[in-house]
Amino acid sequence: MLNSKNRFSWCLESENRMRRIKPNEKLSKEHIEKAKHNLKAADYNVQGHFDDWAVSQSYYAITRSWQFCSRKVLNLRITNAQLAQLNF
């Protein structure tokens, strides 16, 4: 298993996975606002006893949060959806 540093370097080896970008405040904000929206929808579905849908919406909230962090904090664009799930 690759350690975090090696896994991160592997991700940056191909622009098909991840690439460095210039900061984009507007797009970063869009990602975090969409994450908040997904969490509100998940909560609404939990209250209505639609737990299966709440799980899906929570997943998307997590994915959007990671996209926000990668853009805002790390200045990275995740170009492969599966990589958004990696834990560093």
PDB file of N, CA and C in Angstrom:
ATOM      1  N   MET A   1       0.845  -1.183   0.000  1.00  0.00           N
ATOM      2  CA  MET A   1       0.000   0.000   0.000  1.00  0.00           C
ATOM      3  C   MET A   1       0.887   1.241   0.000  1.00  0.00           C
ATOM      4  N   LEU A   2       0.527   2.197  -0.819  1.00  0.00           N
ATOM      5  CA  LEU A   2       1.272   3.441  -0.869  1.00  0.00           C
ATOM      6  C   LEU A   2       0.989   4.273   0.362  1.00  0.00           C
ATOM      7  N   ASN A   3       2.041   4.949   0.849  1.00  0.00           N
ATOM      8  CA  ASN A   3       1.780   5.874   1.947  1.00  0.00           C
ATOM      9  C   ASN A   3       1.187   7.160   1.369  1.00  0.00           C
ATOM     10  N   SER A   4       0.750   8.033   2.221  1.00  0.00           N
ATOM     11  CA  SER A   4       0.037   9.238   1.780  1.00  0.00           C
ATOM     12  C   SER A   4       0.857  10.091   0.828  1.00  0.00           C
ATOM     13  N   LYS A   5       2.128  10.282   1.118  1.00  0.00           N
ATOM     14  CA  LYS A   5       2.973  11.123   0.268  1.00  0.00           C
ATOM     15  C   LYS A   5       3.119  10.505  -1.119  1.00  0.00           C
ATOM     16  N   ASN A   6       3.362   9.201  -1.180  1.00  0.00           N
ATOM     17  CA  ASN A   6       3.497   8.534  -2.469  1.00  0.00           C
ATOM     18  C   ASN A   6       2.178   8.524  -3.238  1.00  0.00           C
ATOM     19  N   ARG A   7       1.083   8.322  -2.540  1.00  0.00           N
ATOM     20  CA  ARG A   7      -0.231   8.315  -3.189  1.00  0.00           C
ATOM     21  C   ARG A   7      -0.532   9.690  -3.771  1.00  0.00           C
ATOM     22  N   PHE A   8      -0.222  10.733  -3.032  1.00  0.00           N
ATOM     23  CA  PHE A   8      -0.441  12.088  -3.502  1.00  0.00           C
ATOM     24  C   PHE A   8       0.417  12.371  -4.732  1.00  0.00           C
ATOM     25  N   SER A   9       1.679  11.977  -4.703  1.00  0.00           N
ATOM     26  CA  SER A   9       2.563  12.169  -5.855  1.00  0.00           C
ATOM     27  C   SER A   9       2.042  11.410  -7.066  1.00  0.00           C
ATOM     28  N   TRP A  10       1.555  10.187  -6.853  1.00  0.00           N
ATOM     29  CA  TRP A  10       1.004   9.388  -7.945  1.00  0.00           C
ATOM     30  C   TRP A  10      -0.182  10.114  -8.569  1.00  0.00           C
ATOM     31  N   CYS A  11      -1.024  10.704  -7.758  1.00  0.00           N
ATOM     32  CA  CYS A  11      -2.192  11.426  -8.267  1.00  0.00           C
ATOM     33  C   CYS A  11      -1.781  12.592  -9.156  1.00  0.00           C
ATOM     34  N   LEU A  12      -0.716  13.276  -8.787  1.00  0.00           N
ATOM     35  CA  LEU A  12      -0.273  14.454  -9.542  1.00  0.00           C
ATOM     36  C   LEU A  12       0.504  14.097 -10.808  1.00  0.00           C
ATOM     37  N   GLU A  13       0.866  12.833 -10.985  1.00  0.00           N
ATOM     38  CA  GLU A  13       1.635  12.425 -12.164  1.00  0.00           C
ATOM     39  C   GLU A  13       0.840  12.554 -13.456  1.00  0.00           C
ATOM     40  N   SER A  14      -0.455  12.535 -13.388  1.00  0.00           N
ATOM     41  CA  SER A  14      -1.288  12.605 -14.586  1.00  0.00           C
ATOM     42  C   SER A  14      -2.391  13.639 -14.395  1.00  0.00           C
ATOM     43  N   GLU A  15      -2.559  14.500 -15.407  1.00  0.00           N
ATOM     44  CA  GLU A  15      -3.643  15.486 -15.340  1.00  0.00           C
ATOM     45  C   GLU A  15      -5.001  14.832 -15.461  1.00  0.00           C
ATOM     46  N   ASN A  16      -5.034  13.543 -15.797  1.00  0.00           N
ATOM     47  CA  ASN A  16      -6.300  12.814 -15.832  1.00  0.00           C
ATOM     48  C   ASN A  16      -6.769  12.458 -14.429  1.00  0.00           C
ATOM     49  N   ARG A  17      -5.913  12.659 -13.446  1.00  0.00           N
ATOM     50  CA  ARG A  17      -6.267  12.350 -12.062  1.00  0.00           C
ATOM     51  C   ARG A  17      -6.471  13.615 -11.250  1.00  0.00           C
ATOM     52  N   MET A  18      -5.446  14.442 -11.225  1.00  0.00           N
ATOM     53  CA  MET A  18      -5.445  15.627 -10.361  1.00  0.00           C
ATOM     54  C   MET A  18      -4.439  16.617 -10.933  1.00  0.00           C
ATOM     55  N   ARG A  19      -4.763  17.900 -10.834  1.00  0.00           N
ATOM     56  CA  ARG A  19      -3.782  18.883 -11.297  1.00  0.00           C
ATOM     57  C   ARG A  19      -3.864  20.155 -10.485  1.00  0.00           C
ATOM     58  N   ARG A  20      -2.755  20.862 -10.428  1.00  0.00           N
ATOM     59  CA  ARG A  20      -2.698  22.127  -9.713  1.00  0.00           C
ATOM     60  C   ARG A  20      -3.428  23.192 -10.530  1.00  0.00           C
ATOM     61  N   ILE A  21      -4.113  24.074  -9.831  1.00  0.00           N
ATOM     62  CA  ILE A  21      -4.890  25.127 -10.488  1.00  0.00           C
ATOM     63  C   ILE A  21      -4.656  26.454  -9.780  1.00  0.00           C
ATOM     64  N   LYS A  22      -5.106  27.514 -10.441  1.00  0.00           N
ATOM     65  CA  LYS A  22      -5.113  28.824  -9.797  1.00  0.00           C
ATOM     66  C   LYS A  22      -6.343  28.886  -8.891  1.00  0.00           C
ATOM     67  N   PRO A  23      -6.235  29.591  -7.773  1.00  0.00           N
ATOM     68  CA  PRO A  23      -7.393  29.718  -6.884  1.00  0.00           C
ATOM     69  C   PRO A  23      -8.598  30.326  -7.612  1.00  0.00           C
ATOM     70  N   ASN A  24      -9.771  29.821  -7.311  1.00  0.00           N
ATOM     71  CA  ASN A  24     -11.008  30.323  -7.899  1.00  0.00           C
ATOM     72  C   ASN A  24     -12.040  30.417  -6.781  1.00  0.00           C
ATOM     73  N   GLU A  25     -12.141  31.570  -6.202  1.00  0.00           N
ATOM     74  CA  GLU A  25     -13.011  31.792  -5.054  1.00  0.00           C
ATOM     75  C   GLU A  25     -14.469  31.476  -5.379  1.00  0.00           C
ATOM     76  N   LYS A  26     -14.923  31.883  -6.558  1.00  0.00           N
ATOM     77  CA  LYS A  26     -16.324  31.672  -6.944  1.00  0.00           C
ATOM     78  C   LYS A  26     -16.652  30.180  -7.016  1.00  0.00           C
ATOM     79  N   LEU A  27     -15.805  29.400  -7.672  1.00  0.00           N
ATOM     80  CA  LEU A  27     -16.065  27.970  -7.809  1.00  0.00           C
ATOM     81  C   LEU A  27     -15.938  27.257  -6.464  1.00  0.00           C
ATOM     82  N   SER A  28     -14.989  27.684  -5.643  1.00  0.00           N
ATOM     83  CA  SER A  28     -14.864  27.100  -4.308  1.00  0.00           C
ATOM     84  C   SER A  28     -16.147  27.325  -3.520  1.00  0.00           C
ATOM     85  N   LYS A  29     -16.672  28.535  -3.589  1.00  0.00           N
ATOM     86  CA  LYS A  29     -17.905  28.850  -2.870  1.00  0.00           C
ATOM     87  C   LYS A  29     -19.077  28.019  -3.394  1.00  0.00           C
ATOM     88  N   GLU A  30     -19.139  27.821  -4.708  1.00  0.00           N
ATOM     89  CA  GLU A  30     -20.211  27.005  -5.283  1.00  0.00           C
ATOM     90  C   GLU A  30     -20.179  25.581  -4.728  1.00  0.00           C
ATOM     91  N   HIS A  31     -18.974  25.022  -4.577  1.00  0.00           N
ATOM     92  CA  HIS A  31     -18.856  23.664  -4.043  1.00  0.00           C
ATOM     93  C   HIS A  31     -19.346  23.584  -2.601  1.00  0.00           C
ATOM     94  N   ILE A  32     -18.974  24.527  -1.769  1.00  0.00           N
ATOM     95  CA  ILE A  32     -19.378  24.448  -0.361  1.00  0.00           C
ATOM     96  C   ILE A  32     -20.875  24.747  -0.227  1.00  0.00           C
ATOM     97  N   GLU A  33     -21.411  25.624  -1.049  1.00  0.00           N
ATOM     98  CA  GLU A  33     -22.855  25.889  -1.005  1.00  0.00           C
ATOM     99  C   GLU A  33     -23.641  24.654  -1.439  1.00  0.00           C
ATOM    100  N   LYS A  34     -23.138  23.943  -2.448  1.00  0.00           N
ATOM    101  CA  LYS A  34     -23.810  22.721  -2.888  1.00  0.00           C
ATOM    102  C   LYS A  34     -23.723  21.646  -1.803  1.00  0.00           C
ATOM    103  N   ALA A  35     -22.598  21.579  -1.098  1.00  0.00           N
ATOM    104  CA  ALA A  35     -22.466  20.625   0.009  1.00  0.00           C
ATOM    105  C   ALA A  35     -23.493  20.927   1.097  1.00  0.00           C
ATOM    106  N   LYS A  36     -23.654  22.201   1.433  1.00  0.00           N
ATOM    107  CA  LYS A  36     -24.651  22.587   2.436  1.00  0.00           C
ATOM    108  C   LYS A  36     -26.056  22.215   1.974  1.00  0.00           C
ATOM    109  N   HIS A  37     -26.333  22.445   0.701  1.00  0.00           N
ATOM    110  CA  HIS A  37     -27.635  22.092   0.134  1.00  0.00           C
ATOM    111  C   HIS A  37     -27.881  20.578   0.261  1.00  0.00           C
ATOM    112  N   ASN A  38     -26.863  19.768  -0.072  1.00  0.00           N
ATOM    113  CA  ASN A  38     -27.000  18.314   0.036  1.00  0.00           C
ATOM    114  C   ASN A  38     -27.234  17.880   1.473  1.00  0.00           C
ATOM    115  N   LEU A  39     -26.587  18.537   2.429  1.00  0.00           N
ATOM    116  CA  LEU A  39     -26.803  18.191   3.839  1.00  0.00           C
ATOM    117  C   LEU A  39     -28.214  18.547   4.293  1.00  0.00           C
ATOM    118  N   LYS A  40     -28.725  19.692   3.830  1.00  0.00           N
ATOM    119  CA  LYS A  40     -30.102  20.059   4.169  1.00  0.00           C
ATOM    120  C   LYS A  40     -31.086  19.037   3.595  1.00  0.00           C
ATOM    121  N   ALA A  41     -30.833  18.612   2.371  1.00  0.00           N
ATOM    122  CA  ALA A  41     -31.706  17.621   1.750  1.00  0.00           C
ATOM    123  C   ALA A  41     -31.619  16.291   2.490  1.00  0.00           C
ATOM    124  N   ALA A  42     -30.415  15.914   2.910  1.00  0.00           N
ATOM    125  CA  ALA A  42     -30.257  14.672   3.669  1.00  0.00           C
ATOM    126  C   ALA A  42     -31.033  14.746   4.978  1.00  0.00           C
ATOM    127  N   ASP A  43     -30.925  15.863   5.675  1.00  0.00           N
ATOM    128  CA  ASP A  43     -31.654  16.033   6.930  1.00  0.00           C
ATOM    129  C   ASP A  43     -33.161  15.964   6.696  1.00  0.00           C
ATOM    130  N   TYR A  44     -33.625  16.599   5.649  1.00  0.00           N
ATOM    131  CA  TYR A  44     -35.051  16.566   5.309  1.00  0.00           C
ATOM    132  C   TYR A  44     -35.524  15.127   5.092  1.00  0.00           C
ATOM    133  N   ASN A  45     -34.709  14.347   4.381  1.00  0.00           N
ATOM    134  CA  ASN A  45     -35.094  12.956   4.115  1.00  0.00           C
ATOM    135  C   ASN A  45     -35.002  12.080   5.354  1.00  0.00           C
ATOM    136  N   VAL A  46     -34.078  12.366   6.247  1.00  0.00           N
ATOM    137  CA  VAL A  46     -34.029  11.623   7.519  1.00  0.00           C
ATOM    138  C   VAL A  46     -35.302  11.896   8.303  1.00  0.00           C
ATOM    139  N   GLN A  47     -35.703  13.161   8.360  1.00  0.00           N
ATOM    140  CA  GLN A  47     -36.924  13.516   9.081  1.00  0.00           C
ATOM    141  C   GLN A  47     -38.151  12.818   8.485  1.00  0.00           C
ATOM    142  N   GLY A  48     -38.120  12.586   7.171  1.00  0.00           N
ATOM    143  CA  GLY A  48     -39.230  11.925   6.501  1.00  0.00           C
ATOM    144  C   GLY A  48     -39.074  10.410   6.427  1.00  0.00           C
ATOM    145  N   HIS A  49     -38.055   9.890   7.112  1.00  0.00           N
ATOM    146  CA  HIS A  49     -37.774   8.450   7.166  1.00  0.00           C
ATOM    147  C   HIS A  49     -37.374   7.864   5.811  1.00  0.00           C
ATOM    148  N   PHE A  50     -36.716   8.683   4.995  1.00  0.00           N
ATOM    149  CA  PHE A  50     -36.146   8.212   3.735  1.00  0.00           C
ATOM    150  C   PHE A  50     -34.632   8.123   3.894  1.00  0.00           C
ATOM    151  N   ASP A  51     -34.228   7.241   4.808  1.00  0.00           N
ATOM    152  CA  ASP A  51     -32.811   7.145   5.170  1.00  0.00           C
ATOM    153  C   ASP A  51     -31.922   6.754   3.993  1.00  0.00           C
ATOM    154  N   ASP A  52     -32.424   5.918   3.088  1.00  0.00           N
ATOM    155  CA  ASP A  52     -31.611   5.496   1.958  1.00  0.00           C
ATOM    156  C   ASP A  52     -31.227   6.688   1.082  1.00  0.00           C
ATOM    157  N   TRP A  53     -32.154   7.614   0.879  1.00  0.00           N
ATOM    158  CA  TRP A  53     -31.835   8.809   0.103  1.00  0.00           C
ATOM    159  C   TRP A  53     -30.916   9.749   0.881  1.00  0.00           C
ATOM    160  N   ALA A  54     -31.081   9.776   2.166  1.00  0.00           N
ATOM    161  CA  ALA A  54     -30.226  10.625   2.996  1.00  0.00           C
ATOM    162  C   ALA A  54     -28.766  10.183   2.905  1.00  0.00           C
ATOM    163  N   VAL A  55     -28.542   8.883   2.832  1.00  0.00           N
ATOM    164  CA  VAL A  55     -27.167   8.371   2.709  1.00  0.00           C
ATOM    165  C   VAL A  55     -26.551   8.863   1.408  1.00  0.00           C
ATOM    166  N   SER A  56     -27.291   8.771   0.314  1.00  0.00           N
ATOM    167  CA  SER A  56     -26.776   9.238  -0.980  1.00  0.00           C
ATOM    168  C   SER A  56     -26.466  10.730  -0.947  1.00  0.00           C
ATOM    169  N   GLN A  57     -27.357  11.503  -0.374  1.00  0.00           N
ATOM    170  CA  GLN A  57     -27.135  12.946  -0.320  1.00  0.00           C
ATOM    171  C   GLN A  57     -25.962  13.299   0.589  1.00  0.00           C
ATOM    172  N   SER A  58     -25.777  12.523   1.638  1.00  0.00           N
ATOM    173  CA  SER A  58     -24.623  12.742   2.520  1.00  0.00           C
ATOM    174  C   SER A  58     -23.322  12.461   1.786  1.00  0.00           C
ATOM    175  N   TYR A  59     -23.322  11.411   0.975  1.00  0.00           N
ATOM    176  CA  TYR A  59     -22.136  11.091   0.161  1.00  0.00           C
ATOM    177  C   TYR A  59     -21.786  12.278  -0.739  1.00  0.00           C
ATOM    178  N   TYR A  60     -22.787  12.842  -1.407  1.00  0.00           N
ATOM    179  CA  TYR A  60     -22.525  13.971  -2.289  1.00  0.00           C
ATOM    180  C   TYR A  60     -22.074  15.203  -1.507  1.00  0.00           C
ATOM    181  N   ALA A  61     -22.577  15.387  -0.306  1.00  0.00           N
ATOM    182  CA  ALA A  61     -22.118  16.497   0.530  1.00  0.00           C
ATOM    183  C   ALA A  61     -20.643  16.321   0.873  1.00  0.00           C
ATOM    184  N   ILE A  62     -20.248  15.105   1.185  1.00  0.00           N
ATOM    185  CA  ILE A  62     -18.840  14.829   1.492  1.00  0.00           C
ATOM    186  C   ILE A  62     -17.970  15.074   0.262  1.00  0.00           C
ATOM    187  N   THR A  63     -18.439  14.596  -0.890  1.00  0.00           N
ATOM    188  CA  THR A  63     -17.676  14.785  -2.132  1.00  0.00           C
ATOM    189  C   THR A  63     -17.517  16.262  -2.451  1.00  0.00           C
ATOM    190  N   ARG A  64     -18.589  17.033  -2.331  1.00  0.00           N
ATOM    191  CA  ARG A  64     -18.497  18.471  -2.583  1.00  0.00           C
ATOM    192  C   ARG A  64     -17.591  19.171  -1.571  1.00  0.00           C
ATOM    193  N   SER A  65     -17.622  18.720  -0.340  1.00  0.00           N
ATOM    194  CA  SER A  65     -16.744  19.303   0.684  1.00  0.00           C
ATOM    195  C   SER A  65     -15.288  19.048   0.341  1.00  0.00           C
ATOM    196  N   TRP A  66     -14.996  17.850  -0.116  1.00  0.00           N
ATOM    197  CA  TRP A  66     -13.616  17.527  -0.517  1.00  0.00           C
ATOM    198  C   TRP A  66     -13.214  18.383  -1.707  1.00  0.00           C
ATOM    199  N   GLN A  67     -14.118  18.574  -2.670  1.00  0.00           N
ATOM    200  CA  GLN A  67     -13.806  19.425  -3.817  1.00  0.00           C
ATOM    201  C   GLN A  67     -13.540  20.856  -3.364  1.00  0.00           C
ATOM    202  N   PHE A  68     -14.327  21.331  -2.401  1.00  0.00           N
ATOM    203  CA  PHE A  68     -14.095  22.665  -1.852  1.00  0.00           C
ATOM    204  C   PHE A  68     -12.705  22.746  -1.231  1.00  0.00           C
ATOM    205  N   CYS A  69     -12.379  21.781  -0.381  1.00  0.00           N
ATOM    206  CA  CYS A  69     -11.071  21.787   0.296  1.00  0.00           C
ATOM    207  C   CYS A  69      -9.923  21.680  -0.703  1.00  0.00           C
ATOM    208  N   SER A  70     -10.079  20.817  -1.681  1.00  0.00           N
ATOM    209  CA  SER A  70      -8.992  20.642  -2.643  1.00  0.00           C
ATOM    210  C   SER A  70      -8.770  21.918  -3.451  1.00  0.00           C
ATOM    211  N   ARG A  71      -9.837  22.611  -3.795  1.00  0.00           N
ATOM    212  CA  ARG A  71      -9.689  23.851  -4.559  1.00  0.00           C
ATOM    213  C   ARG A  71      -9.240  25.020  -3.687  1.00  0.00           C
ATOM    214  N   LYS A  72      -9.878  25.184  -2.555  1.00  0.00           N
ATOM    215  CA  LYS A  72      -9.638  26.356  -1.709  1.00  0.00           C
ATOM    216  C   LYS A  72      -8.312  26.263  -0.955  1.00  0.00           C
ATOM    217  N   VAL A  73      -8.035  25.108  -0.397  1.00  0.00           N
ATOM    218  CA  VAL A  73      -6.868  24.961   0.472  1.00  0.00           C
ATOM    219  C   VAL A  73      -5.640  24.462  -0.289  1.00  0.00           C
ATOM    220  N   LEU A  74      -5.840  23.467  -1.152  1.00  0.00           N
ATOM    221  CA  LEU A  74      -4.703  22.821  -1.820  1.00  0.00           C
ATOM    222  C   LEU A  74      -4.453  23.319  -3.241  1.00  0.00           C
ATOM    223  N   ASN A  75      -5.393  24.114  -3.790  1.00  0.00           N
ATOM    224  CA  ASN A  75      -5.303  24.563  -5.185  1.00  0.00           C
ATOM    225  C   ASN A  75      -5.140  23.391  -6.143  1.00  0.00           C
ATOM    226  N   LEU A  76      -6.005  22.389  -5.961  1.00  0.00           N
ATOM    227  CA  LEU A  76      -5.984  21.206  -6.813  1.00  0.00           C
ATOM    228  C   LEU A  76      -7.354  21.006  -7.435  1.00  0.00           C
ATOM    229  N   ARG A  77      -7.350  20.498  -8.650  1.00  0.00           N
ATOM    230  CA  ARG A  77      -8.590  20.095  -9.304  1.00  0.00           C
ATOM    231  C   ARG A  77      -8.577  18.586  -9.438  1.00  0.00           C
ATOM    232  N   ILE A  78      -9.577  17.953  -8.874  1.00  0.00           N
ATOM    233  CA  ILE A  78      -9.708  16.509  -8.972  1.00  0.00           C
ATOM    234  C   ILE A  78     -10.375  16.218 -10.302  1.00  0.00           C
ATOM    235  N   THR A  79      -9.672  15.527 -11.192  1.00  0.00           N
ATOM    236  CA  THR A  79     -10.220  15.267 -12.519  1.00  0.00           C
ATOM    237  C   THR A  79     -10.776  13.852 -12.639  1.00  0.00           C
ATOM    238  N   ASN A  80     -10.584  13.043 -11.634  1.00  0.00           N
ATOM    239  CA  ASN A  80     -11.099  11.686 -11.628  1.00  0.00           C
ATOM    240  C   ASN A  80     -11.967  11.531 -10.389  1.00  0.00           C
ATOM    241  N   ALA A  81     -13.242  11.261 -10.577  1.00  0.00           N
ATOM    242  CA  ALA A  81     -14.177  11.210  -9.457  1.00  0.00           C
ATOM    243  C   ALA A  81     -13.769  10.212  -8.372  1.00  0.00           C
ATOM    244  N   GLN A  82     -13.161   9.108  -8.770  1.00  0.00           N
ATOM    245  CA  GLN A  82     -12.761   8.109  -7.781  1.00  0.00           C
ATOM    246  C   GLN A  82     -11.666   8.641  -6.868  1.00  0.00           C
ATOM    247  N   LEU A  83     -10.831   9.515  -7.378  1.00  0.00           N
ATOM    248  CA  LEU A  83      -9.761  10.062  -6.540  1.00  0.00           C
ATOM    249  C   LEU A  83     -10.303  10.978  -5.454  1.00  0.00           C
ATOM    250  N   ALA A  84     -11.480  11.536  -5.675  1.00  0.00           N
ATOM    251  CA  ALA A  84     -12.080  12.399  -4.658  1.00  0.00           C
ATOM    252  C   ALA A  84     -12.361  11.624  -3.386  1.00  0.00           C
ATOM    253  N   GLN A  85     -12.383  10.307  -3.471  1.00  0.00           N
ATOM    254  CA  GLN A  85     -12.681   9.467  -2.328  1.00  0.00           C
ATOM    255  C   GLN A  85     -11.416   9.033  -1.576  1.00  0.00           C
ATOM    256  N   LEU A  86     -10.251   9.351  -2.116  1.00  0.00           N
ATOM    257  CA  LEU A  86      -9.008   8.942  -1.461  1.00  0.00           C
ATOM    258  C   LEU A  86      -8.837   9.651  -0.133  1.00  0.00           C
ATOM    259  N   ASN A  87      -8.302   8.954   0.816  1.00  0.00           N
ATOM    260  CA  ASN A  87      -7.967   9.552   2.110  1.00  0.00           C
ATOM    261  C   ASN A  87      -6.477   9.774   2.135  1.00  0.00           C
ATOM    262  N   PHE A  88      -6.060  10.995   2.371  1.00  0.00           N
ATOM    263  CA  PHE A  88      -4.619  11.287   2.432  1.00  0.00           C
ATOM    264  C   PHE A  88      -4.171  11.384   3.854  1.00  0.00           C
TER     265      PHE A  88
END
